[in-house]
PDB file of N, CA and C in Angstrom:
ATOM      1  N   MET A   1      15.295  15.962  15.549  1.00  0.00           N
ATOM      2  CA  MET A   1      15.414  14.532  15.341  1.00  0.00           C
ATOM      3  C   MET A   1      15.896  14.277  13.911  1.00  0.00           C
ATOM      4  N   TYR A   2      16.852  13.407  13.744  1.00  0.00           N
ATOM      5  CA  TYR A   2      17.397  13.050  12.445  1.00  0.00           C
ATOM      6  C   TYR A   2      16.506  12.008  11.787  1.00  0.00           C
ATOM      7  N   LYS A   3      16.064  12.305  10.589  1.00  0.00           N
ATOM      8  CA  LYS A   3      15.227  11.359   9.856  1.00  0.00           C
ATOM      9  C   LYS A   3      16.038  10.808   8.682  1.00  0.00           C
ATOM     10  N   GLN A   4      16.263   9.524   8.715  1.00  0.00           N
ATOM     11  CA  GLN A   4      17.061   8.881   7.686  1.00  0.00           C
ATOM     12  C   GLN A   4      16.261   8.756   6.395  1.00  0.00           C
ATOM     13  N   LYS A   5      16.872   9.176   5.282  1.00  0.00           N
ATOM     14  CA  LYS A   5      16.229   9.063   3.984  1.00  0.00           C
ATOM     15  C   LYS A   5      16.626   7.746   3.327  1.00  0.00           C
ATOM     16  N   VAL A   6      15.749   7.247   2.492  1.00  0.00           N
ATOM     17  CA  VAL A   6      16.042   6.041   1.745  1.00  0.00           C
ATOM     18  C   VAL A   6      16.864   6.433   0.525  1.00  0.00           C
ATOM     19  N   ASP A   7      17.939   5.718   0.305  1.00  0.00           N
ATOM     20  CA  ASP A   7      18.808   5.971  -0.828  1.00  0.00           C
ATOM     21  C   ASP A   7      18.077   5.607  -2.124  1.00  0.00           C
ATOM     22  N   GLU A   8      18.069   6.519  -3.099  1.00  0.00           N
ATOM     23  CA  GLU A   8      17.383   6.284  -4.371  1.00  0.00           C
ATOM     24  C   GLU A   8      17.909   5.045  -5.091  1.00  0.00           C
ATOM     25  N   LYS A   9      19.219   4.844  -5.039  1.00  0.00           N
ATOM     26  CA  LYS A   9      19.816   3.670  -5.689  1.00  0.00           C
ATOM     27  C   LYS A   9      19.274   2.391  -5.056  1.00  0.00           C
ATOM     28  N   ASP A  10      19.172   2.384  -3.737  1.00  0.00           N
ATOM     29  CA  ASP A  10      18.635   1.216  -3.035  1.00  0.00           C
ATOM     30  C   ASP A  10      17.183   0.954  -3.437  1.00  0.00           C
ATOM     31  N   LEU A  11      16.398   2.031  -3.534  1.00  0.00           N
ATOM     32  CA  LEU A  11      15.002   1.871  -3.952  1.00  0.00           C
ATOM     33  C   LEU A  11      14.911   1.335  -5.371  1.00  0.00           C
ATOM     34  N   GLU A  12      15.713   1.878  -6.253  1.00  0.00           N
ATOM     35  CA  GLU A  12      15.698   1.429  -7.648  1.00  0.00           C
ATOM     36  C   GLU A  12      16.040  -0.056  -7.744  1.00  0.00           C
ATOM     37  N   GLU A  13      17.003  -0.496  -6.946  1.00  0.00           N
ATOM     38  CA  GLU A  13      17.371  -1.914  -6.946  1.00  0.00           C
ATOM     39  C   GLU A  13      16.227  -2.776  -6.417  1.00  0.00           C
ATOM     40  N   LEU A  14      15.524  -2.290  -5.392  1.00  0.00           N
ATOM     41  CA  LEU A  14      14.369  -3.017  -4.860  1.00  0.00           C
ATOM     42  C   LEU A  14      13.265  -3.097  -5.914  1.00  0.00           C
ATOM     43  N   TYR A  15      12.968  -1.965  -6.563  1.00  0.00           N
ATOM     44  CA  TYR A  15      11.933  -1.959  -7.595  1.00  0.00           C
ATOM     45  C   TYR A  15      12.302  -2.895  -8.735  1.00  0.00           C
ATOM     46  N   GLN A  16      13.569  -2.915  -9.105  1.00  0.00           N
ATOM     47  CA  GLN A  16      14.028  -3.796 -10.177  1.00  0.00           C
ATOM     48  C   GLN A  16      13.819  -5.265  -9.790  1.00  0.00           C
ATOM     49  N   ALA A  17      14.100  -5.585  -8.528  1.00  0.00           N
ATOM     50  CA  ALA A  17      13.865  -6.958  -8.056  1.00  0.00           C
ATOM     51  C   ALA A  17      12.381  -7.299  -8.119  1.00  0.00           C
ATOM     52  N   MET A  18      11.523  -6.358  -7.745  1.00  0.00           N
ATOM     53  CA  MET A  18      10.082  -6.595  -7.783  1.00  0.00           C
ATOM     54  C   MET A  18       9.598  -6.832  -9.210  1.00  0.00           C
ATOM     55  N   LEU A  19      10.184  -6.124 -10.155  1.00  0.00           N
ATOM     56  CA  LEU A  19       9.774  -6.278 -11.549  1.00  0.00           C
ATOM     57  C   LEU A  19      10.113  -7.649 -12.123  1.00  0.00           C
ATOM     58  N   THR A  20      10.986  -8.400 -11.463  1.00  0.00           N
ATOM     59  CA  THR A  20      11.316  -9.742 -11.940  1.00  0.00           C
ATOM     60  C   THR A  20      10.280 -10.778 -11.527  1.00  0.00           C
ATOM     61  N   LEU A  21       9.407 -10.431 -10.595  1.00  0.00           N
ATOM     62  CA  LEU A  21       8.416 -11.375 -10.075  1.00  0.00           C
ATOM     63  C   LEU A  21       7.306 -11.590 -11.101  1.00  0.00           C
ATOM     64  N   LYS A  22       6.910 -12.846 -11.271  1.00  0.00           N
ATOM     65  CA  LYS A  22       6.026 -13.205 -12.376  1.00  0.00           C
ATOM     66  C   LYS A  22       4.566 -13.416 -12.005  1.00  0.00           C
ATOM     67  N   ASP A  23       4.283 -13.777 -10.762  1.00  0.00           N
ATOM     68  CA  ASP A  23       2.901 -14.064 -10.395  1.00  0.00           C
ATOM     69  C   ASP A  23       2.700 -13.852  -8.898  1.00  0.00           C
ATOM     70  N   LYS A  24       1.457 -14.076  -8.448  1.00  0.00           N
ATOM     71  CA  LYS A  24       1.133 -13.850  -7.036  1.00  0.00           C
ATOM     72  C   LYS A  24       1.963 -14.717  -6.104  1.00  0.00           C
ATOM     73  N   GLU A  25       2.228 -15.935  -6.495  1.00  0.00           N
ATOM     74  CA  GLU A  25       3.011 -16.830  -5.647  1.00  0.00           C
ATOM     75  C   GLU A  25       4.427 -16.283  -5.447  1.00  0.00           C
ATOM     76  N   GLU A  26       5.019 -15.763  -6.517  1.00  0.00           N
ATOM     77  CA  GLU A  26       6.357 -15.197  -6.409  1.00  0.00           C
ATOM     78  C   GLU A  26       6.346 -13.918  -5.567  1.00  0.00           C
ATOM     79  N   PHE A  27       5.319 -13.078  -5.739  1.00  0.00           N
ATOM     80  CA  PHE A  27       5.192 -11.884  -4.899  1.00  0.00           C
ATOM     81  C   PHE A  27       5.053 -12.275  -3.442  1.00  0.00           C
ATOM     82  N   HIS A  28       4.229 -13.264  -3.192  1.00  0.00           N
ATOM     83  CA  HIS A  28       4.006 -13.731  -1.821  1.00  0.00           C
ATOM     84  C   HIS A  28       5.324 -14.184  -1.193  1.00  0.00           C
ATOM     85  N   ALA A  29       6.064 -15.024  -1.907  1.00  0.00           N
ATOM     86  CA  ALA A  29       7.336 -15.531  -1.385  1.00  0.00           C
ATOM     87  C   ALA A  29       8.332 -14.394  -1.144  1.00  0.00           C
ATOM     88  N   PHE A  30       8.406 -13.470  -2.089  1.00  0.00           N
ATOM     89  CA  PHE A  30       9.344 -12.353  -1.976  1.00  0.00           C
ATOM     90  C   PHE A  30       9.009 -11.467  -0.771  1.00  0.00           C
ATOM     91  N   PHE A  31       7.740 -11.096  -0.644  1.00  0.00           N
ATOM     92  CA  PHE A  31       7.350 -10.199   0.449  1.00  0.00           C
ATOM     93  C   PHE A  31       7.381 -10.887   1.803  1.00  0.00           C
ATOM     94  N   GLU A  32       7.147 -12.180   1.842  1.00  0.00           N
ATOM     95  CA  GLU A  32       7.284 -12.924   3.100  1.00  0.00           C
ATOM     96  C   GLU A  32       8.736 -12.877   3.579  1.00  0.00           C
ATOM     97  N   ASP A  33       9.666 -12.930   2.625  1.00  0.00           N
ATOM     98  CA  ASP A  33      11.090 -12.845   2.976  1.00  0.00           C
ATOM     99  C   ASP A  33      11.513 -11.413   3.290  1.00  0.00           C
ATOM    100  N   LEU A  34      10.987 -10.464   2.540  1.00  0.00           N
ATOM    101  CA  LEU A  34      11.406  -9.066   2.652  1.00  0.00           C
ATOM    102  C   LEU A  34      10.873  -8.381   3.908  1.00  0.00           C
ATOM    103  N   CYS A  35       9.632  -8.665   4.263  1.00  0.00           N
ATOM    104  CA  CYS A  35       8.943  -7.922   5.332  1.00  0.00           C
ATOM    105  C   CYS A  35       8.689  -8.794   6.556  1.00  0.00           C
ATOM    106  N   THR A  36       8.600  -8.122   7.693  1.00  0.00           N
ATOM    107  CA  THR A  36       8.156  -8.807   8.904  1.00  0.00           C
ATOM    108  C   THR A  36       6.641  -8.980   8.832  1.00  0.00           C
ATOM    109  N   VAL A  37       6.095  -9.815   9.703  1.00  0.00           N
ATOM    110  CA  VAL A  37       4.650 -10.006   9.757  1.00  0.00           C
ATOM    111  C   VAL A  37       3.957  -8.668  10.024  1.00  0.00           C
ATOM    112  N   ASP A  38       4.494  -7.872  10.943  1.00  0.00           N
ATOM    113  CA  ASP A  38       3.895  -6.575  11.253  1.00  0.00           C
ATOM    114  C   ASP A  38       3.938  -5.622  10.064  1.00  0.00           C
ATOM    115  N   GLU A  39       5.030  -5.647   9.313  1.00  0.00           N
ATOM    116  CA  GLU A  39       5.117  -4.792   8.118  1.00  0.00           C
ATOM    117  C   GLU A  39       4.095  -5.211   7.071  1.00  0.00           C
ATOM    118  N   LEU A  40       3.931  -6.509   6.880  1.00  0.00           N
ATOM    119  CA  LEU A  40       2.930  -6.995   5.934  1.00  0.00           C
ATOM    120  C   LEU A  40       1.520  -6.624   6.378  1.00  0.00           C
ATOM    121  N   LYS A  41       1.254  -6.751   7.665  1.00  0.00           N
ATOM    122  CA  LYS A  41      -0.056  -6.361   8.199  1.00  0.00           C
ATOM    123  C   LYS A  41      -0.309  -4.879   7.964  1.00  0.00           C
ATOM    124  N   SER A  42       0.712  -4.058   8.185  1.00  0.00           N
ATOM    125  CA  SER A  42       0.594  -2.620   7.988  1.00  0.00           C
ATOM    126  C   SER A  42       0.321  -2.275   6.527  1.00  0.00           C
ATOM    127  N   LEU A  43       1.030  -2.919   5.621  1.00  0.00           N
ATOM    128  CA  LEU A  43       0.808  -2.690   4.192  1.00  0.00           C
ATOM    129  C   LEU A  43      -0.601  -3.111   3.786  1.00  0.00           C
ATOM    130  N   ALA A  44      -1.034  -4.272   4.260  1.00  0.00           N
ATOM    131  CA  ALA A  44      -2.375  -4.767   3.937  1.00  0.00           C
ATOM    132  C   ALA A  44      -3.444  -3.831   4.505  1.00  0.00           C
ATOM    133  N   GLN A  45      -3.210  -3.331   5.710  1.00  0.00           N
ATOM    134  CA  GLN A  45      -4.155  -2.405   6.336  1.00  0.00           C
ATOM    135  C   GLN A  45      -4.259  -1.122   5.512  1.00  0.00           C
ATOM    136  N   ARG A  46      -3.130  -0.590   5.090  1.00  0.00           N
ATOM    137  CA  ARG A  46      -3.153   0.632   4.277  1.00  0.00           C
ATOM    138  C   ARG A  46      -3.912   0.412   2.974  1.00  0.00           C
ATOM    139  N   TRP A  47      -3.726  -0.749   2.367  1.00  0.00           N
ATOM    140  CA  TRP A  47      -4.442  -1.024   1.119  1.00  0.00           C
ATOM    141  C   TRP A  47      -5.949  -1.122   1.371  1.00  0.00           C
ATOM    142  N   GLN A  48      -6.327  -1.701   2.501  1.00  0.00           N
ATOM    143  CA  GLN A  48      -7.738  -1.733   2.894  1.00  0.00           C
ATOM    144  C   GLN A  48      -8.280  -0.314   3.035  1.00  0.00           C
ATOM    145  N   VAL A  49      -7.502   0.552   3.677  1.00  0.00           N
ATOM    146  CA  VAL A  49      -7.898   1.952   3.859  1.00  0.00           C
ATOM    147  C   VAL A  49      -8.072   2.633   2.501  1.00  0.00           C
ATOM    148  N   VAL A  50      -7.141   2.404   1.589  1.00  0.00           N
ATOM    149  CA  VAL A  50      -7.228   2.980   0.243  1.00  0.00           C
ATOM    150  C   VAL A  50      -8.558   2.608  -0.398  1.00  0.00           C
ATOM    151  N   GLN A  51      -8.877   1.324  -0.360  1.00  0.00           N
ATOM    152  CA  GLN A  51     -10.104   0.863  -1.005  1.00  0.00           C
ATOM    153  C   GLN A  51     -11.349   1.465  -0.359  1.00  0.00           C
ATOM    154  N   MET A  52     -11.343   1.548   0.963  1.00  0.00           N
ATOM    155  CA  MET A  52     -12.503   2.100   1.658  1.00  0.00           C
ATOM    156  C   MET A  52     -12.642   3.598   1.410  1.00  0.00           C
ATOM    157  N   LEU A  53     -11.522   4.319   1.364  1.00  0.00           N
ATOM    158  CA  LEU A  53     -11.586   5.746   1.043  1.00  0.00           C
ATOM    159  C   LEU A  53     -12.100   5.951  -0.378  1.00  0.00           C
ATOM    160  N   PHE A  54     -11.634   5.126  -1.293  1.00  0.00           N
ATOM    161  CA  PHE A  54     -12.064   5.202  -2.686  1.00  0.00           C
ATOM    162  C   PHE A  54     -13.563   4.972  -2.811  1.00  0.00           C
ATOM    163  N   GLU A  55     -14.086   4.105  -1.934  1.00  0.00           N
ATOM    164  CA  GLU A  55     -15.526   3.817  -1.915  1.00  0.00           C
ATOM    165  C   GLU A  55     -16.302   4.847  -1.095  1.00  0.00           C
ATOM    166  N   LYS A  56     -15.612   5.897  -0.659  1.00  0.00           N
ATOM    167  CA  LYS A  56     -16.220   7.033   0.074  1.00  0.00           C
ATOM    168  C   LYS A  56     -16.716   6.685   1.469  1.00  0.00           C
ATOM    169  N   ASN A  57     -16.074   5.711   2.123  1.00  0.00           N
ATOM    170  CA  ASN A  57     -16.419   5.391   3.509  1.00  0.00           C
ATOM    171  C   ASN A  57     -15.930   6.509   4.426  1.00  0.00           C
ATOM    172  N   LYS A  58     -16.604   6.689   5.524  1.00  0.00           N
ATOM    173  CA  LYS A  58     -16.235   7.693   6.528  1.00  0.00           C
ATOM    174  C   LYS A  58     -15.066   7.189   7.368  1.00  0.00           C
ATOM    175  N   TYR A  59     -14.294   8.148   7.908  1.00  0.00           N
ATOM    176  CA  TYR A  59     -13.130   7.798   8.722  1.00  0.00           C
ATOM    177  C   TYR A  59     -13.490   6.845   9.859  1.00  0.00           C
ATOM    178  N   ASN A  60     -14.575   7.136  10.575  1.00  0.00           N
ATOM    179  CA  ASN A  60     -14.918   6.288  11.728  1.00  0.00           C
ATOM    180  C   ASN A  60     -15.263   4.863  11.293  1.00  0.00           C
ATOM    181  N   GLU A  61     -15.867   4.700  10.126  1.00  0.00           N
ATOM    182  CA  GLU A  61     -16.145   3.357   9.604  1.00  0.00           C
ATOM    183  C   GLU A  61     -14.834   2.634   9.265  1.00  0.00           C
ATOM    184  N   ILE A  62     -13.909   3.373   8.658  1.00  0.00           N
ATOM    185  CA  ILE A  62     -12.623   2.800   8.272  1.00  0.00           C
ATOM    186  C   ILE A  62     -11.831   2.402   9.517  1.00  0.00           C
ATOM    187  N   MET A  63     -11.826   3.276  10.518  1.00  0.00           N
ATOM    188  CA  MET A  63     -11.115   2.988  11.767  1.00  0.00           C
ATOM    189  C   MET A  63     -11.678   1.728  12.415  1.00  0.00           C
ATOM    190  N   GLN A  64     -12.997   1.634  12.444  1.00  0.00           N
ATOM    191  CA  GLN A  64     -13.650   0.503  13.088  1.00  0.00           C
ATOM    192  C   GLN A  64     -13.362  -0.811  12.346  1.00  0.00           C
ATOM    193  N   GLU A  65     -13.431  -0.777  11.014  1.00  0.00           N
ATOM    194  CA  GLU A  65     -13.256  -2.016  10.248  1.00  0.00           C
ATOM    195  C   GLU A  65     -11.796  -2.443  10.119  1.00  0.00           C
ATOM    196  N   THR A  66     -10.882  -1.465   9.999  1.00  0.00           N
ATOM    197  CA  THR A  66      -9.482  -1.814   9.728  1.00  0.00           C
ATOM    198  C   THR A  66      -8.582  -1.742  10.952  1.00  0.00           C
ATOM    199  N   GLY A  67      -8.988  -0.965  11.941  1.00  0.00           N
ATOM    200  CA  GLY A  67      -8.135  -0.737  13.103  1.00  0.00           C
ATOM    201  C   GLY A  67      -7.075   0.323  12.839  1.00  0.00           C
ATOM    202  N   ALA A  68      -7.132   0.964  11.680  1.00  0.00           N
ATOM    203  CA  ALA A  68      -6.168   2.013  11.342  1.00  0.00           C
ATOM    204  C   ALA A  68      -6.459   3.267  12.160  1.00  0.00           C
ATOM    205  N   SER A  69      -5.403   3.992  12.486  1.00  0.00           N
ATOM    206  CA  SER A  69      -5.561   5.247  13.215  1.00  0.00           C
ATOM    207  C   SER A  69      -6.027   6.349  12.254  1.00  0.00           C
ATOM    208  N   SER A  70      -6.558   7.411  12.816  1.00  0.00           N
ATOM    209  CA  SER A  70      -6.983   8.539  11.981  1.00  0.00           C
ATOM    210  C   SER A  70      -5.782   9.157  11.267  1.00  0.00           C
ATOM    211  N   THR A  71      -4.606   9.110  11.893  1.00  0.00           N
ATOM    212  CA  THR A  71      -3.385   9.625  11.265  1.00  0.00           C
ATOM    213  C   THR A  71      -3.036   8.804  10.024  1.00  0.00           C
ATOM    214  N   THR A  72      -3.097   7.489  10.142  1.00  0.00           N
ATOM    215  CA  THR A  72      -2.829   6.620   8.989  1.00  0.00           C
ATOM    216  C   THR A  72      -3.832   6.885   7.882  1.00  0.00           C
ATOM    217  N   ILE A  73      -5.094   6.982   8.237  1.00  0.00           N
ATOM    218  CA  ILE A  73      -6.137   7.231   7.239  1.00  0.00           C
ATOM    219  C   ILE A  73      -5.899   8.572   6.552  1.00  0.00           C
ATOM    220  N   SER A  74      -5.528   9.592   7.312  1.00  0.00           N
ATOM    221  CA  SER A  74      -5.255  10.913   6.737  1.00  0.00           C
ATOM    222  C   SER A  74      -4.078  10.873   5.772  1.00  0.00           C
ATOM    223  N   ARG A  75      -3.032  10.157   6.148  1.00  0.00           N
ATOM    224  CA  ARG A  75      -1.858  10.038   5.266  1.00  0.00           C
ATOM    225  C   ARG A  75      -2.213   9.310   3.980  1.00  0.00           C
ATOM    226  N   VAL A  76      -2.978   8.243   4.109  1.00  0.00           N
ATOM    227  CA  VAL A  76      -3.394   7.486   2.932  1.00  0.00           C
ATOM    228  C   VAL A  76      -4.291   8.356   2.048  1.00  0.00           C
ATOM    229  N   LYS A  77      -5.189   9.105   2.663  1.00  0.00           N
ATOM    230  CA  LYS A  77      -6.095   9.989   1.907  1.00  0.00           C
ATOM    231  C   LYS A  77      -5.303  11.034   1.130  1.00  0.00           C
ATOM    232  N   LYS A  78      -4.289  11.592   1.756  1.00  0.00           N
ATOM    233  CA  LYS A  78      -3.453  12.594   1.082  1.00  0.00           C
ATOM    234  C   LYS A  78      -2.784  11.978  -0.149  1.00  0.00           C
ATOM    235  N   SER A  79      -2.248  10.776   0.006  1.00  0.00           N
ATOM    236  CA  SER A  79      -1.614  10.092  -1.123  1.00  0.00           C
ATOM    237  C   SER A  79      -2.634   9.735  -2.199  1.00  0.00           C
ATOM    238  N   LEU A  80      -3.814   9.331  -1.781  1.00  0.00           N
ATOM    239  CA  LEU A  80      -4.870   9.003  -2.728  1.00  0.00           C
ATOM    240  C   LEU A  80      -5.306  10.241  -3.508  1.00  0.00           C
ATOM    241  N   ASP A  81      -5.379  11.376  -2.809  1.00  0.00           N
ATOM    242  CA  ASP A  81      -5.808  12.626  -3.444  1.00  0.00           C
ATOM    243  C   ASP A  81      -4.745  13.240  -4.345  1.00  0.00           C
ATOM    244  N   TYR A  82      -3.481  13.150  -3.951  1.00  0.00           N
ATOM    245  CA  TYR A  82      -2.430  13.881  -4.653  1.00  0.00           C
ATOM    246  C   TYR A  82      -1.398  13.002  -5.353  1.00  0.00           C
ATOM    247  N   GLY A  83      -1.439  11.708  -5.126  1.00  0.00           N
ATOM    248  CA  GLY A  83      -0.478  10.808  -5.752  1.00  0.00           C
ATOM    249  C   GLY A  83      -1.088  10.103  -6.958  1.00  0.00           C
ATOM    250  N   ASP A  84      -0.301   9.234  -7.558  1.00  0.00           N
ATOM    251  CA  ASP A  84      -0.755   8.504  -8.736  1.00  0.00           C
ATOM    252  C   ASP A  84      -0.848   6.995  -8.517  1.00  0.00           C
ATOM    253  N   GLY A  85      -0.041   6.470  -7.610  1.00  0.00           N
ATOM    254  CA  GLY A  85       0.107   5.025  -7.469  1.00  0.00           C
ATOM    255  C   GLY A  85      -1.151   4.296  -7.043  1.00  0.00           C
ATOM    256  N   TYR A  86      -1.817   4.797  -6.010  1.00  0.00           N
ATOM    257  CA  TYR A  86      -3.020   4.120  -5.527  1.00  0.00           C
ATOM    258  C   TYR A  86      -4.092   4.071  -6.620  1.00  0.00           C
ATOM    259  N   LEU A  87      -4.329   5.228  -7.251  1.00  0.00           N
ATOM    260  CA  LEU A  87      -5.370   5.285  -8.284  1.00  0.00           C
ATOM    261  C   LEU A  87      -5.044   4.384  -9.467  1.00  0.00           C
ATOM    262  N   MET A  88      -3.774   4.327  -9.833  1.00  0.00           N
ATOM    263  CA  MET A  88      -3.359   3.467 -10.932  1.00  0.00           C
ATOM    264  C   MET A  88      -3.716   2.007 -10.626  1.00  0.00           C
ATOM    265  N   ALA A  89      -3.385   1.568  -9.432  1.00  0.00           N
ATOM    266  CA  ALA A  89      -3.680   0.183  -9.035  1.00  0.00           C
ATOM    267  C   ALA A  89      -5.183  -0.052  -8.944  1.00  0.00           C
ATOM    268  N   LEU A  90      -5.917   0.886  -8.353  1.00  0.00           N
ATOM    269  CA  LEU A  90      -7.368   0.732  -8.228  1.00  0.00           C
ATOM    270  C   LEU A  90      -8.032   0.617  -9.600  1.00  0.00           C
ATOM    271  N   LYS A  91      -7.604   1.455 -10.525  1.00  0.00           N
ATOM    272  CA  LYS A  91      -8.192   1.425 -11.879  1.00  0.00           C
ATOM    273  C   LYS A  91      -7.865   0.118 -12.578  1.00  0.00           C
ATOM    274  N   ARG A  92      -6.660  -0.377 -12.404  1.00  0.00           N
ATOM    275  CA  ARG A  92      -6.291  -1.640 -13.051  1.00  0.00           C
ATOM    276  C   ARG A  92      -7.050  -2.812 -12.448  1.00  0.00           C
ATOM    277  N   ILE A  93      -7.269  -2.773 -11.144  1.00  0.00           N
ATOM    278  CA  ILE A  93      -8.057  -3.835 -10.493  1.00  0.00           C
ATOM    279  C   ILE A  93      -9.485  -3.806 -11.010  1.00  0.00           C
ATOM    280  N   ASP A  94     -10.078  -2.596 -11.106  1.00  0.00           N
ATOM    281  CA  ASP A  94     -11.445  -2.470 -11.637  1.00  0.00           C
ATOM    282  C   ASP A  94     -11.516  -2.973 -13.065  1.00  0.00           C
ATOM    283  N   LYS A  95     -10.509  -2.656 -13.864  1.00  0.00           N
ATOM    284  CA  LYS A  95     -10.460  -3.089 -15.270  1.00  0.00           C
ATOM    285  C   LYS A  95     -10.388  -4.613 -15.354  1.00  0.00           C
ATOM    286  N   ASP A  96      -9.595  -5.224 -14.466  1.00  0.00           N
ATOM    287  CA  ASP A  96      -9.470  -6.678 -14.461  1.00  0.00           C
ATOM    288  C   ASP A  96     -10.758  -7.374 -14.045  1.00  0.00           C
ATOM    289  N   LYS A  97     -11.590  -6.685 -13.257  1.00  0.00           N
ATOM    290  CA  LYS A  97     -12.861  -7.275 -12.807  1.00  0.00           C
ATOM    291  C   LYS A  97     -13.885  -7.323 -13.925  1.00  0.00           C
ATOM    292  N   GLU A  98     -13.720  -6.462 -14.924  1.00  0.00           N
ATOM    293  CA  GLU A  98     -14.696  -6.391 -16.034  1.00  0.00           C
ATOM    294  C   GLU A  98     -14.617  -7.585 -16.935  1.00  0.00           C
TER     295      GLU A  98
END
């Protein structure tokens, strides 16, 4: 099966557009235009999974509360364990709460 890769230039242009957004209202408007309702739901669900994994919730609890599949939870866990982005955002959110 052929798996299409995302062009780096296209991603860079998208990231650059995101960096122009100034507040939550602008992010909301941009993502409402950029994503379908299902894509937004999927992104929100993944972020819920990230937070629950970070809080050390069990897979079955996460599945029950979020409706995410075990495959999605496993993928998110791998990114949480080996990536930088989720942890960076989680730490900044915690810092903002202080």
